[in-house]
Structure formats: structure tokens, C-alpha cells
Amino acid sequence: MKRVLAFVFLALLTHAAQAQPWPSQPVRLVVPASPGSSLDVIARVLGEHLRPRWKEPVVVEDKAGAGGMLGMNTVARAAADGHTLGIGFNGPIAFAPHLYRHMSYEPAKDLVPVVLTTSQPNVLAVAASHPANSVAEFVAWAKQQGGKLLYASVGTGSSSHLTMELFQSVAGFEGTHVPYKGSPEAAMSVVTGETHAIFAVEPALLPFLQSKQLKLLASTGKERAAGQENLPTLAESGYPEVQSLAWNGLFAPAGTPAAVVEKINADVNAALAELAVRAVLLKQGLVPGGGTPADFQRLVQEESRKWGPLIEAKIKPID
């Protein structure tokens, strides 16, 4: 009898623990990028507006390194109780499994997509003095270079890099990839003439656009984005196959209870709908996201299917 009572008591304790409201402690939000980055901005503005809903602090932890994989590995290895989340993006989520022979985590198995936070198209930028003033003129110029075109990117395997690889294959010109450690260095290389062009998100290029050292030729969105109404898309310019988004969203460790994932999703959707949050994000050139966990999972899967073959065909696997 005592053994049965002990079992019942243990079961009741387990049920009580499982039924404990979430969150029951501060929520750690891992940012796989440097302080001041767009991901850091997103994390902090969301954290500020989620704290009143959750009645617990949201502690932002910047953990840059290994193209975002260091931070996402931290999330993948955390307790699956919803108290550790991370902002993942194209690179360490959809691209890395096709780019690296060995990873310390498997995005599809070790992480649960929770909600899309923001997205934005890439833009094609050249130096202000470049002779091309349209996509057609740029492609014609690039073909005349006989493979001597140099294009910058914010890193090997990044959306910046892969978009140009896709554009080259579709438009029929060749160039040499010159990767940099980040957008400031990559953009400056175009300004100084070390390289000839770059695909990047517009906010990363803003200082050089404002000083009229760079000019934009097109965006990679499906349609013209808010704030870019005067900038044609590559689809409009004759290359509908060349579409790319730099996206990011919240991920939780695999095994996180579905009810917790749904609550985080609902609360982040509500925060993203707030005018104050949208104003901060739009000022950064970020398009607020949202949607269900299933919506976000579909996006991740589609991105992996779209870019995986290109990565494997164009980029030597990294050990």
C-alpha cells in the first residue's frame, strides 16, 4: 500500500511540475550575432515588449561565431522547457547542413521553429561611378568582363553570396567571389573598387547609400518592398528565378512542449503587431514577420530545398 501511495504521490508531483505555468523564470534569448546587429536589435525590442506579457525578464545573450552556428548550438543543447530561445537565420538553419560536412547540431532534428520574426530582400549594389544604371546594363557589362568580375559578400554560404551565385547562373555571366567578415567591410570593398558588386540587405549599405558612394540597381523580393517603391525587382528586370530573402525567427530546443511553443508564438505575434515594435523594425529596413509555427517550418524547409542544390553544386564543402 505504501508503495502504491508513493507512486501516486510521485505522479502527482510530476503532473504539478508539468502543469507549472510558463515562464517560471527569466527567458534567455540567444542572438547568434554581435551586439548592435540587426538580430540584436530584433531581440531587444521583442524582449522589451514581451516582458510585460511574460512577467519575467528576457535576457538577451549575444553569442556570435561560426556563421551563427555557435549560438544556435547553444539553443539546441539547452533544456527543452522554453526558457532558452534563439534567433536563427538562413545561414545556420537552412544553408549550413548543405555547406558543412560536420555540424554540432542538426537544425531539423534539434530545433523547433516557433515564429518568423522579420525578413527583407537583398539588393544589388554597385559603386556610384559604375557605368551600369539598370540590371540589363549590369548584366551586359558583367559579360564583357570575361570572368574578371569580382563580387563581394558578407561571408561564404551567406544569402549575400548565394544570391549572386544564383544570379550568375541564370543571367549567364561569371565572376569571382570575395568573402568578407561582415557587411561593413564587404560594402566598403565595392566603394573602393576592390570588388565590383554586392548583394546585401539595404540597411547594411545605408551609410554608403546616404553618402552617395553606392547605388542600387534592383531588389530580390517577389514584389517591391515598402520603402523600396522606386527600386525594381530582379523579377521585373527579366530574372524571376532570382528571388531571395534574408529571414530570421525564433527557435526552441527540440522537445519543448507544444503548448509552450504555441504561447510563445501567440505572444510574439501580438508583439509584432504593436505599432511601437513595427516602427523600430521598419526603421531598420526589416519587414515584421509573424504566422504560425507550421508556417515558419514550411519556410525553413522550402529554403533548404531551394538553396541546397546550388550550395552543393557551387561551394566546396567545409570541414
C-alpha atoms as a PDB file:
ATOM      1  CA  MET A   1       0.000   0.000   0.000  1.00  0.00           C
ATOM      2  CA  LYS A   2       2.815   2.382   0.929  1.00  0.00           C
ATOM      3  CA  ARG A   3       4.467   1.665  -2.423  1.00  0.00           C
ATOM      4  CA  VAL A   4       1.230   2.487  -4.276  1.00  0.00           C
ATOM      5  CA  LEU A   5       0.768   5.712  -2.317  1.00  0.00           C
ATOM      6  CA  ALA A   6       4.363   6.701  -3.026  1.00  0.00           C
ATOM      7  CA  PHE A   7       3.802   6.079  -6.733  1.00  0.00           C
ATOM      8  CA  VAL A   8       0.613   8.154  -6.722  1.00  0.00           C
ATOM      9  CA  PHE A   9       2.363  10.969  -4.845  1.00  0.00           C
ATOM     10  CA  LEU A  10       5.244  10.938  -7.327  1.00  0.00           C
ATOM     11  CA  ALA A  11       2.783  11.017 -10.233  1.00  0.00           C
ATOM     12  CA  LEU A  12       1.003  13.994  -8.684  1.00  0.00           C
ATOM     13  CA  LEU A  13       4.298  15.824  -8.231  1.00  0.00           C
ATOM     14  CA  THR A  14       5.245  15.115 -11.849  1.00  0.00           C
ATOM     15  CA  HIS A  15       1.870  16.357 -13.073  1.00  0.00           C
ATOM     16  CA  ALA A  16       2.210  19.509 -10.972  1.00  0.00           C
ATOM     17  CA  ALA A  17       5.663  20.177 -12.378  1.00  0.00           C
ATOM     18  CA  GLN A  18       4.423  19.682 -15.919  1.00  0.00           C
ATOM     19  CA  ALA A  19       1.453  21.943 -15.275  1.00  0.00           C
ATOM     20  CA  GLN A  20       3.628  24.741 -13.884  1.00  0.00           C
ATOM     21  CA  PRO A  21       2.847  27.939 -15.774  1.00  0.00           C
ATOM     22  CA  TRP A  22       5.366  29.102 -18.336  1.00  0.00           C
ATOM     23  CA  PRO A  23       7.560  31.061 -17.926  1.00  0.00           C
ATOM     24  CA  SER A  24       8.592  30.305 -14.372  1.00  0.00           C
ATOM     25  CA  GLN A  25      11.999  32.018 -14.653  1.00  0.00           C
ATOM     26  CA  PRO A  26      13.804  34.557 -16.881  1.00  0.00           C
ATOM     27  CA  VAL A  27      13.821  33.668 -20.575  1.00  0.00           C
ATOM     28  CA  ARG A  28      17.219  33.581 -22.262  1.00  0.00           C
ATOM     29  CA  LEU A  29      17.181  34.793 -25.866  1.00  0.00           C
ATOM     30  CA  VAL A  30      20.379  33.784 -27.686  1.00  0.00           C
ATOM     31  CA  VAL A  31      21.454  36.008 -30.584  1.00  0.00           C
ATOM     32  CA  PRO A  32      23.997  34.297 -32.875  1.00  0.00           C
ATOM     33  CA  ALA A  33      25.480  37.653 -33.895  1.00  0.00           C
ATOM     34  CA  SER A  34      27.305  40.647 -32.459  1.00  0.00           C
ATOM     35  CA  PRO A  35      25.834  43.401 -30.271  1.00  0.00           C
ATOM     36  CA  GLY A  36      24.309  46.133 -32.422  1.00  0.00           C
ATOM     37  CA  SER A  37      23.497  43.767 -35.287  1.00  0.00           C
ATOM     38  CA  SER A  38      20.001  43.682 -36.748  1.00  0.00           C
ATOM     39  CA  LEU A  39      19.380  40.385 -34.930  1.00  0.00           C
ATOM     40  CA  ASP A  40      20.410  42.020 -31.660  1.00  0.00           C
ATOM     41  CA  VAL A  41      18.010  44.913 -32.329  1.00  0.00           C
ATOM     42  CA  ILE A  42      15.158  42.477 -33.016  1.00  0.00           C
ATOM     43  CA  ALA A  43      15.875  40.514 -29.834  1.00  0.00           C
ATOM     44  CA  ARG A  44      15.971  43.600 -27.633  1.00  0.00           C
ATOM     45  CA  VAL A  45      12.840  45.266 -28.996  1.00  0.00           C
ATOM     46  CA  LEU A  46      10.898  41.994 -28.736  1.00  0.00           C
ATOM     47  CA  GLY A  47      12.292  41.328 -25.268  1.00  0.00           C
ATOM     48  CA  GLU A  48      11.172  44.743 -24.089  1.00  0.00           C
ATOM     49  CA  HIS A  49       7.617  44.148 -25.283  1.00  0.00           C
ATOM     50  CA  LEU A  50       7.409  40.502 -24.193  1.00  0.00           C
ATOM     51  CA  ARG A  51       8.466  41.120 -20.604  1.00  0.00           C
ATOM     52  CA  PRO A  52       5.097  42.602 -19.550  1.00  0.00           C
ATOM     53  CA  ARG A  53       3.310  39.613 -21.100  1.00  0.00           C
ATOM     54  CA  TRP A  54       5.565  37.029 -19.528  1.00  0.00           C
ATOM     55  CA  LYS A  55       6.114  38.732 -16.157  1.00  0.00           C
ATOM     56  CA  GLU A  56       9.726  37.630 -16.400  1.00  0.00           C
ATOM     57  CA  PRO A  57      12.855  39.315 -17.781  1.00  0.00           C
ATOM     58  CA  VAL A  58      14.029  38.440 -21.301  1.00  0.00           C
ATOM     59  CA  VAL A  59      17.815  38.205 -21.106  1.00  0.00           C
ATOM     60  CA  VAL A  60      19.496  38.783 -24.470  1.00  0.00           C
ATOM     61  CA  GLU A  61      22.753  36.868 -24.878  1.00  0.00           C
ATOM     62  CA  ASP A  62      24.878  37.732 -27.926  1.00  0.00           C
ATOM     63  CA  LYS A  63      26.859  34.669 -28.989  1.00  0.00           C
ATOM     64  CA  ALA A  64      28.466  35.316 -32.375  1.00  0.00           C
ATOM     65  CA  GLY A  65      30.739  32.874 -34.153  1.00  0.00           C
ATOM     66  CA  ALA A  66      30.928  30.140 -36.790  1.00  0.00           C
ATOM     67  CA  GLY A  67      28.440  31.860 -39.067  1.00  0.00           C
ATOM     68  CA  GLY A  68      25.733  31.776 -36.419  1.00  0.00           C
ATOM     69  CA  MET A  69      26.195  28.089 -35.601  1.00  0.00           C
ATOM     70  CA  LEU A  70      27.797  28.741 -32.217  1.00  0.00           C
ATOM     71  CA  GLY A  71      24.698  30.469 -30.911  1.00  0.00           C
ATOM     72  CA  MET A  72      22.244  28.007 -32.431  1.00  0.00           C
ATOM     73  CA  ASN A  73      24.173  25.074 -30.978  1.00  0.00           C
ATOM     74  CA  THR A  74      23.721  26.688 -27.558  1.00  0.00           C
ATOM     75  CA  VAL A  75      19.967  26.706 -28.131  1.00  0.00           C
ATOM     76  CA  ALA A  76      19.911  23.142 -29.458  1.00  0.00           C
ATOM     77  CA  ARG A  77      21.700  21.860 -26.335  1.00  0.00           C
ATOM     78  CA  ALA A  78      19.591  23.826 -23.824  1.00  0.00           C
ATOM     79  CA  ALA A  79      16.840  22.372 -21.651  1.00  0.00           C
ATOM     80  CA  ALA A  80      13.646  21.882 -23.667  1.00  0.00           C
ATOM     81  CA  ASP A  81      11.457  23.897 -21.305  1.00  0.00           C
ATOM     82  CA  GLY A  82      11.013  27.083 -23.332  1.00  0.00           C
ATOM     83  CA  HIS A  83      13.305  29.176 -21.160  1.00  0.00           C
ATOM     84  CA  THR A  84      16.051  29.273 -23.804  1.00  0.00           C
ATOM     85  CA  LEU A  85      15.224  30.546 -27.293  1.00  0.00           C
ATOM     86  CA  GLY A  86      17.382  31.679 -30.195  1.00  0.00           C
ATOM     87  CA  ILE A  87      17.055  33.857 -33.267  1.00  0.00           C
ATOM     88  CA  GLY A  88      18.064  31.682 -36.182  1.00  0.00           C
ATOM     89  CA  PHE A  89      18.506  32.854 -39.756  1.00  0.00           C
ATOM     90  CA  ASN A  90      19.171  31.430 -43.224  1.00  0.00           C
ATOM     91  CA  GLY A  91      22.808  30.556 -42.647  1.00  0.00           C
ATOM     92  CA  PRO A  92      22.905  28.292 -39.578  1.00  0.00           C
ATOM     93  CA  ILE A  93      19.428  26.871 -40.228  1.00  0.00           C
ATOM     94  CA  ALA A  94      18.778  26.263 -43.943  1.00  0.00           C
ATOM     95  CA  PHE A  95      22.204  26.648 -45.571  1.00  0.00           C
ATOM     96  CA  ALA A  96      24.681  25.119 -43.125  1.00  0.00           C
ATOM     97  CA  PRO A  97      23.560  21.467 -43.485  1.00  0.00           C
ATOM     98  CA  HIS A  98      24.446  21.668 -47.187  1.00  0.00           C
ATOM     99  CA  LEU A  99      27.647  23.633 -46.632  1.00  0.00           C
ATOM    100  CA  TYR A 100      29.384  21.847 -43.758  1.00  0.00           C
ATOM    101  CA  ARG A 101      30.399  18.198 -43.636  1.00  0.00           C
ATOM    102  CA  HIS A 102      30.121  18.183 -39.848  1.00  0.00           C
ATOM    103  CA  MET A 103      27.848  20.235 -37.598  1.00  0.00           C
ATOM    104  CA  SER A 104      27.462  20.107 -33.828  1.00  0.00           C
ATOM    105  CA  TYR A 105      23.662  20.102 -34.195  1.00  0.00           C
ATOM    106  CA  GLU A 106      21.063  19.161 -36.797  1.00  0.00           C
ATOM    107  CA  PRO A 107      18.621  22.057 -37.350  1.00  0.00           C
ATOM    108  CA  ALA A 108      15.766  19.826 -38.500  1.00  0.00           C
ATOM    109  CA  LYS A 109      16.102  17.471 -35.511  1.00  0.00           C
ATOM    110  CA  ASP A 110      17.453  19.611 -32.687  1.00  0.00           C
ATOM    111  CA  LEU A 111      15.483  22.852 -33.139  1.00  0.00           C
ATOM    112  CA  VAL A 112      11.785  23.699 -33.313  1.00  0.00           C
ATOM    113  CA  PRO A 113      10.684  26.661 -35.467  1.00  0.00           C
ATOM    114  CA  VAL A 114       8.476  28.945 -33.351  1.00  0.00           C
ATOM    115  CA  VAL A 115       7.762  32.089 -35.358  1.00  0.00           C
ATOM    116  CA  LEU A 116       9.190  34.191 -38.190  1.00  0.00           C
ATOM    117  CA  THR A 117      10.365  37.498 -36.717  1.00  0.00           C
ATOM    118  CA  THR A 118      11.435  39.534 -39.763  1.00  0.00           C
ATOM    119  CA  SER A 119      12.519  39.230 -43.378  1.00  0.00           C
ATOM    120  CA  GLN A 120      13.895  41.525 -46.036  1.00  0.00           C
ATOM    121  CA  PRO A 121      15.038  41.213 -49.646  1.00  0.00           C
ATOM    122  CA  ASN A 122      18.624  41.590 -50.726  1.00  0.00           C
ATOM    123  CA  VAL A 123      19.553  44.461 -53.032  1.00  0.00           C
ATOM    124  CA  LEU A 124      22.103  44.584 -55.842  1.00  0.00           C
ATOM    125  CA  ALA A 125      24.549  47.439 -55.210  1.00  0.00           C
ATOM    126  CA  VAL A 126      27.448  48.833 -57.234  1.00  0.00           C
ATOM    127  CA  ALA A 127      29.702  51.859 -56.832  1.00  0.00           C
ATOM    128  CA  ALA A 128      28.099  55.177 -57.680  1.00  0.00           C
ATOM    129  CA  SER A 129      30.601  55.565 -60.512  1.00  0.00           C
ATOM    130  CA  HIS A 130      29.747  52.185 -62.088  1.00  0.00           C
ATOM    131  CA  PRO A 131      28.628  52.549 -65.720  1.00  0.00           C
ATOM    132  CA  ALA A 132      25.529  50.379 -65.213  1.00  0.00           C
ATOM    133  CA  ASN A 133      22.323  52.068 -64.100  1.00  0.00           C
ATOM    134  CA  SER A 134      19.991  49.109 -64.593  1.00  0.00           C
ATOM    135  CA  VAL A 135      20.045  45.335 -64.293  1.00  0.00           C
ATOM    136  CA  ALA A 136      20.203  44.939 -68.080  1.00  0.00           C
ATOM    137  CA  GLU A 137      23.209  47.263 -68.260  1.00  0.00           C
ATOM    138  CA  PHE A 138      24.898  45.451 -65.366  1.00  0.00           C
ATOM    139  CA  VAL A 139      24.474  42.026 -66.981  1.00  0.00           C
ATOM    140  CA  ALA A 140      25.805  43.339 -70.306  1.00  0.00           C
ATOM    141  CA  TRP A 141      28.774  44.912 -68.508  1.00  0.00           C
ATOM    142  CA  ALA A 142      29.429  41.725 -66.498  1.00  0.00           C
ATOM    143  CA  LYS A 143      29.514  39.594 -69.641  1.00  0.00           C
ATOM    144  CA  GLN A 144      32.061  41.967 -71.180  1.00  0.00           C
ATOM    145  CA  GLN A 145      34.427  41.389 -68.249  1.00  0.00           C
ATOM    146  CA  GLY A 146      35.266  37.867 -69.380  1.00  0.00           C
ATOM    147  CA  GLY A 147      35.117  36.400 -65.892  1.00  0.00           C
ATOM    148  CA  LYS A 148      37.097  39.226 -64.282  1.00  0.00           C
ATOM    149  CA  LEU A 149      34.142  40.499 -62.283  1.00  0.00           C
ATOM    150  CA  LEU A 150      34.763  40.418 -58.528  1.00  0.00           C
ATOM    151  CA  TYR A 151      31.772  40.332 -56.240  1.00  0.00           C
ATOM    152  CA  ALA A 152      31.768  40.802 -52.500  1.00  0.00           C
ATOM    153  CA  SER A 153      29.665  39.005 -49.911  1.00  0.00           C
ATOM    154  CA  VAL A 154      29.249  39.124 -46.161  1.00  0.00           C
ATOM    155  CA  GLY A 155      30.599  35.560 -45.923  1.00  0.00           C
ATOM    156  CA  THR A 156      30.821  32.216 -47.685  1.00  0.00           C
ATOM    157  CA  GLY A 157      27.476  30.478 -47.802  1.00  0.00           C
ATOM    158  CA  SER A 158      25.556  33.592 -46.782  1.00  0.00           C
ATOM    159  CA  SER A 159      22.404  34.819 -48.507  1.00  0.00           C
ATOM    160  CA  SER A 160      24.601  37.613 -49.876  1.00  0.00           C
ATOM    161  CA  HIS A 161      26.893  35.038 -51.511  1.00  0.00           C
ATOM    162  CA  LEU A 162      24.273  32.580 -52.731  1.00  0.00           C
ATOM    163  CA  THR A 163      22.092  35.239 -54.332  1.00  0.00           C
ATOM    164  CA  MET A 164      24.935  36.286 -56.636  1.00  0.00           C
ATOM    165  CA  GLU A 165      25.697  32.653 -57.432  1.00  0.00           C
ATOM    166  CA  LEU A 166      22.077  32.190 -58.462  1.00  0.00           C
ATOM    167  CA  PHE A 167      22.052  35.432 -60.461  1.00  0.00           C
ATOM    168  CA  GLN A 168      25.205  34.433 -62.343  1.00  0.00           C
ATOM    169  CA  SER A 169      23.835  31.019 -63.272  1.00  0.00           C
ATOM    170  CA  VAL A 170      20.542  32.482 -64.505  1.00  0.00           C
ATOM    171  CA  ALA A 171      21.925  35.575 -66.266  1.00  0.00           C
ATOM    172  CA  GLY A 172      24.894  33.787 -67.846  1.00  0.00           C
ATOM    173  CA  PHE A 173      27.922  35.709 -66.601  1.00  0.00           C
ATOM    174  CA  GLU A 174      30.858  34.679 -64.436  1.00  0.00           C
ATOM    175  CA  GLY A 175      32.613  36.317 -61.538  1.00  0.00           C
ATOM    176  CA  THR A 176      34.886  35.577 -58.604  1.00  0.00           C
ATOM    177  CA  HIS A 177      33.575  35.517 -55.079  1.00  0.00           C
ATOM    178  CA  VAL A 178      35.396  37.647 -52.487  1.00  0.00           C
ATOM    179  CA  PRO A 179      34.020  36.914 -48.993  1.00  0.00           C
ATOM    180  CA  TYR A 180      34.368  39.372 -46.118  1.00  0.00           C
ATOM    181  CA  LYS A 181      33.721  39.034 -42.397  1.00  0.00           C
ATOM    182  CA  GLY A 182      30.700  41.297 -42.433  1.00  0.00           C
ATOM    183  CA  SER A 183      28.683  43.871 -44.323  1.00  0.00           C
ATOM    184  CA  PRO A 184      30.758  46.999 -43.492  1.00  0.00           C
ATOM    185  CA  GLU A 185      33.935  45.513 -44.951  1.00  0.00           C
ATOM    186  CA  ALA A 186      32.131  43.992 -47.925  1.00  0.00           C
ATOM    187  CA  ALA A 187      30.315  47.226 -48.794  1.00  0.00           C
ATOM    188  CA  MET A 188      33.496  49.259 -48.436  1.00  0.00           C
ATOM    189  CA  SER A 189      35.230  46.961 -50.908  1.00  0.00           C
ATOM    190  CA  VAL A 190      32.666  47.938 -53.548  1.00  0.00           C
ATOM    191  CA  VAL A 191      33.055  51.638 -52.710  1.00  0.00           C
ATOM    192  CA  THR A 192      36.849  51.486 -53.048  1.00  0.00           C
ATOM    193  CA  GLY A 193      36.808  49.394 -56.202  1.00  0.00           C
ATOM    194  CA  GLU A 194      38.341  46.259 -54.692  1.00  0.00           C
ATOM    195  CA  THR A 195      35.189  44.493 -55.870  1.00  0.00           C
ATOM    196  CA  HIS A 196      32.510  45.447 -58.369  1.00  0.00           C
ATOM    197  CA  ALA A 197      29.155  44.493 -56.846  1.00  0.00           C
ATOM    198  CA  ILE A 198      27.378  43.021 -53.860  1.00  0.00           C
ATOM    199  CA  PHE A 199      24.043  41.583 -52.841  1.00  0.00           C
ATOM    200  CA  ALA A 200      23.184  42.580 -49.284  1.00  0.00           C
ATOM    201  CA  VAL A 201      20.277  43.847 -47.223  1.00  0.00           C
ATOM    202  CA  GLU A 202      19.724  47.577 -47.667  1.00  0.00           C
ATOM    203  CA  PRO A 203      20.202  48.624 -44.006  1.00  0.00           C
ATOM    204  CA  ALA A 204      23.753  47.244 -44.113  1.00  0.00           C
ATOM    205  CA  LEU A 205      24.519  49.564 -47.030  1.00  0.00           C
ATOM    206  CA  LEU A 206      22.685  52.622 -45.733  1.00  0.00           C
ATOM    207  CA  PRO A 207      25.711  54.768 -44.748  1.00  0.00           C
ATOM    208  CA  PHE A 208      27.199  54.340 -48.226  1.00  0.00           C
ATOM    209  CA  LEU A 209      23.872  54.998 -49.925  1.00  0.00           C
ATOM    210  CA  GLN A 210      23.308  58.155 -47.903  1.00  0.00           C
ATOM    211  CA  SER A 211      26.785  59.415 -48.818  1.00  0.00           C
ATOM    212  CA  LYS A 212      26.065  58.530 -52.466  1.00  0.00           C
ATOM    213  CA  GLN A 213      29.042  56.173 -52.690  1.00  0.00           C
ATOM    214  CA  LEU A 214      26.848  53.248 -53.708  1.00  0.00           C
ATOM    215  CA  LYS A 215      23.758  52.948 -55.878  1.00  0.00           C
ATOM    216  CA  LEU A 216      21.115  50.242 -56.039  1.00  0.00           C
ATOM    217  CA  LEU A 217      20.042  48.504 -59.232  1.00  0.00           C
ATOM    218  CA  ALA A 218      17.398  46.034 -58.032  1.00  0.00           C
ATOM    219  CA  SER A 219      15.970  44.060 -55.135  1.00  0.00           C
ATOM    220  CA  THR A 220      15.417  40.330 -54.837  1.00  0.00           C
ATOM    221  CA  GLY A 221      11.903  40.475 -53.420  1.00  0.00           C
ATOM    222  CA  LYS A 222       8.874  38.900 -55.035  1.00  0.00           C
ATOM    223  CA  GLU A 223       7.480  42.428 -55.296  1.00  0.00           C
ATOM    224  CA  ARG A 224       8.673  45.919 -54.440  1.00  0.00           C
ATOM    225  CA  ALA A 225       9.046  46.291 -50.691  1.00  0.00           C
ATOM    226  CA  ALA A 226       7.807  49.151 -48.534  1.00  0.00           C
ATOM    227  CA  GLY A 227      10.406  51.890 -48.678  1.00  0.00           C
ATOM    228  CA  GLN A 228      11.768  50.494 -51.948  1.00  0.00           C
ATOM    229  CA  GLU A 229       8.902  51.504 -54.216  1.00  0.00           C
ATOM    230  CA  ASN A 230      11.294  53.109 -56.708  1.00  0.00           C
ATOM    231  CA  LEU A 231      13.615  50.110 -56.849  1.00  0.00           C
ATOM    232  CA  PRO A 232      12.696  47.454 -59.439  1.00  0.00           C
ATOM    233  CA  THR A 233      12.888  43.783 -58.570  1.00  0.00           C
ATOM    234  CA  LEU A 234      15.042  41.332 -60.474  1.00  0.00           C
ATOM    235  CA  ALA A 235      11.800  39.618 -61.470  1.00  0.00           C
ATOM    236  CA  GLU A 236      10.644  42.841 -63.132  1.00  0.00           C
ATOM    237  CA  SER A 237      14.035  43.110 -64.780  1.00  0.00           C
ATOM    238  CA  GLY A 238      13.712  39.763 -66.528  1.00  0.00           C
ATOM    239  CA  TYR A 239      15.011  37.351 -63.881  1.00  0.00           C
ATOM    240  CA  PRO A 240      12.003  35.968 -61.974  1.00  0.00           C
ATOM    241  CA  GLU A 241      14.062  32.990 -60.782  1.00  0.00           C
ATOM    242  CA  VAL A 242      16.310  35.268 -58.722  1.00  0.00           C
ATOM    243  CA  GLN A 243      14.388  35.813 -55.512  1.00  0.00           C
ATOM    244  CA  SER A 244      15.947  35.721 -52.074  1.00  0.00           C
ATOM    245  CA  LEU A 245      15.089  36.843 -48.583  1.00  0.00           C
ATOM    246  CA  ALA A 246      17.259  37.362 -45.550  1.00  0.00           C
ATOM    247  CA  TRP A 247      14.931  35.999 -42.846  1.00  0.00           C
ATOM    248  CA  ASN A 248      15.142  35.225 -39.165  1.00  0.00           C
ATOM    249  CA  GLY A 249      12.910  33.772 -36.489  1.00  0.00           C
ATOM    250  CA  LEU A 250      12.689  32.249 -33.047  1.00  0.00           C
ATOM    251  CA  PHE A 251      13.684  28.641 -32.445  1.00  0.00           C
ATOM    252  CA  ALA A 252      13.376  26.477 -29.335  1.00  0.00           C
ATOM    253  CA  PRO A 253      15.160  23.242 -28.412  1.00  0.00           C
ATOM    254  CA  ALA A 254      13.531  20.091 -29.787  1.00  0.00           C
ATOM    255  CA  GLY A 255      11.188  18.585 -27.242  1.00  0.00           C
ATOM    256  CA  THR A 256       9.851  21.902 -25.992  1.00  0.00           C
ATOM    257  CA  PRO A 257       6.175  21.305 -25.066  1.00  0.00           C
ATOM    258  CA  ALA A 258       3.786  22.207 -27.865  1.00  0.00           C
ATOM    259  CA  ALA A 259       1.700  24.357 -25.511  1.00  0.00           C
ATOM    260  CA  VAL A 260       4.764  26.444 -24.669  1.00  0.00           C
ATOM    261  CA  VAL A 261       5.677  26.820 -28.347  1.00  0.00           C
ATOM    262  CA  GLU A 262       2.115  27.956 -29.095  1.00  0.00           C
ATOM    263  CA  LYS A 263       2.156  30.502 -26.268  1.00  0.00           C
ATOM    264  CA  ILE A 264       5.485  31.972 -27.365  1.00  0.00           C
ATOM    265  CA  ASN A 265       4.198  32.106 -30.934  1.00  0.00           C
ATOM    266  CA  ALA A 266       0.985  33.895 -29.921  1.00  0.00           C
ATOM    267  CA  ASP A 267       2.799  36.403 -27.715  1.00  0.00           C
ATOM    268  CA  VAL A 268       5.429  37.212 -30.346  1.00  0.00           C
ATOM    269  CA  ASN A 269       2.722  37.637 -32.980  1.00  0.00           C
ATOM    270  CA  ALA A 270       0.986  40.094 -30.652  1.00  0.00           C
ATOM    271  CA  ALA A 271       4.248  41.973 -30.047  1.00  0.00           C
ATOM    272  CA  LEU A 272       4.998  42.154 -33.777  1.00  0.00           C
ATOM    273  CA  ALA A 273       1.568  43.728 -34.311  1.00  0.00           C
ATOM    274  CA  GLU A 274       2.297  46.578 -31.886  1.00  0.00           C
ATOM    275  CA  LEU A 275       2.887  49.895 -33.643  1.00  0.00           C
ATOM    276  CA  ALA A 276       5.918  50.706 -31.494  1.00  0.00           C
ATOM    277  CA  VAL A 277       7.607  47.417 -32.394  1.00  0.00           C
ATOM    278  CA  ARG A 278       6.792  47.747 -36.083  1.00  0.00           C
ATOM    279  CA  ALA A 279       8.157  51.295 -36.133  1.00  0.00           C
ATOM    280  CA  VAL A 280      11.531  50.191 -34.756  1.00  0.00           C
ATOM    281  CA  LEU A 281      11.793  47.255 -37.163  1.00  0.00           C
ATOM    282  CA  LEU A 282      10.702  49.206 -40.241  1.00  0.00           C
ATOM    283  CA  LYS A 283      13.224  51.935 -39.403  1.00  0.00           C
ATOM    284  CA  GLN A 284      15.887  49.218 -39.624  1.00  0.00           C
ATOM    285  CA  GLY A 285      14.529  48.137 -43.009  1.00  0.00           C
ATOM    286  CA  LEU A 286      13.101  44.956 -41.506  1.00  0.00           C
ATOM    287  CA  VAL A 287       9.693  43.652 -42.540  1.00  0.00           C
ATOM    288  CA  PRO A 288       7.864  42.331 -39.442  1.00  0.00           C
ATOM    289  CA  GLY A 289       7.012  38.640 -39.689  1.00  0.00           C
ATOM    290  CA  GLY A 290       4.548  36.507 -37.761  1.00  0.00           C
ATOM    291  CA  GLY A 291       2.419  33.473 -38.568  1.00  0.00           C
ATOM    292  CA  THR A 292       2.145  30.009 -37.066  1.00  0.00           C
ATOM    293  CA  PRO A 293       4.952  27.591 -36.179  1.00  0.00           C
ATOM    294  CA  ALA A 294       3.849  25.480 -39.159  1.00  0.00           C
ATOM    295  CA  ASP A 295       4.156  28.500 -41.469  1.00  0.00           C
ATOM    296  CA  PHE A 296       7.693  29.099 -40.290  1.00  0.00           C
ATOM    297  CA  GLN A 297       8.646  25.444 -40.590  1.00  0.00           C
ATOM    298  CA  ARG A 298       7.437  25.417 -44.198  1.00  0.00           C
ATOM    299  CA  LEU A 299       9.589  28.466 -44.973  1.00  0.00           C
ATOM    300  CA  VAL A 300      12.674  26.784 -43.492  1.00  0.00           C
ATOM    301  CA  GLN A 301      12.043  23.594 -45.465  1.00  0.00           C
ATOM    302  CA  GLU A 302      11.412  25.492 -48.709  1.00  0.00           C
ATOM    303  CA  GLU A 303      14.610  27.492 -48.259  1.00  0.00           C
ATOM    304  CA  SER A 304      16.637  24.337 -47.658  1.00  0.00           C
ATOM    305  CA  ARG A 305      15.193  22.673 -50.774  1.00  0.00           C
ATOM    306  CA  LYS A 306      15.737  25.776 -52.890  1.00  0.00           C
ATOM    307  CA  TRP A 307      19.300  26.617 -51.923  1.00  0.00           C
ATOM    308  CA  GLY A 308      20.701  23.181 -51.055  1.00  0.00           C
ATOM    309  CA  PRO A 309      21.389  22.049 -54.638  1.00  0.00           C
ATOM    310  CA  LEU A 310      23.007  25.399 -55.502  1.00  0.00           C
ATOM    311  CA  ILE A 311      25.272  25.231 -52.452  1.00  0.00           C
ATOM    312  CA  GLU A 312      26.316  21.672 -53.199  1.00  0.00           C
ATOM    313  CA  ALA A 313      26.973  22.493 -56.854  1.00  0.00           C
ATOM    314  CA  LYS A 314      28.859  25.750 -56.362  1.00  0.00           C
ATOM    315  CA  ILE A 315      30.609  25.630 -52.996  1.00  0.00           C
ATOM    316  CA  LYS A 316      33.256  23.190 -51.805  1.00  0.00           C
ATOM    317  CA  PRO A 317      32.059  21.520 -48.588  1.00  0.00           C
ATOM    318  CA  ILE A 318      33.660  22.898 -45.426  1.00  0.00           C
ATOM    319  CA  ASP A 319      35.082  20.506 -42.840  1.00  0.00           C
END
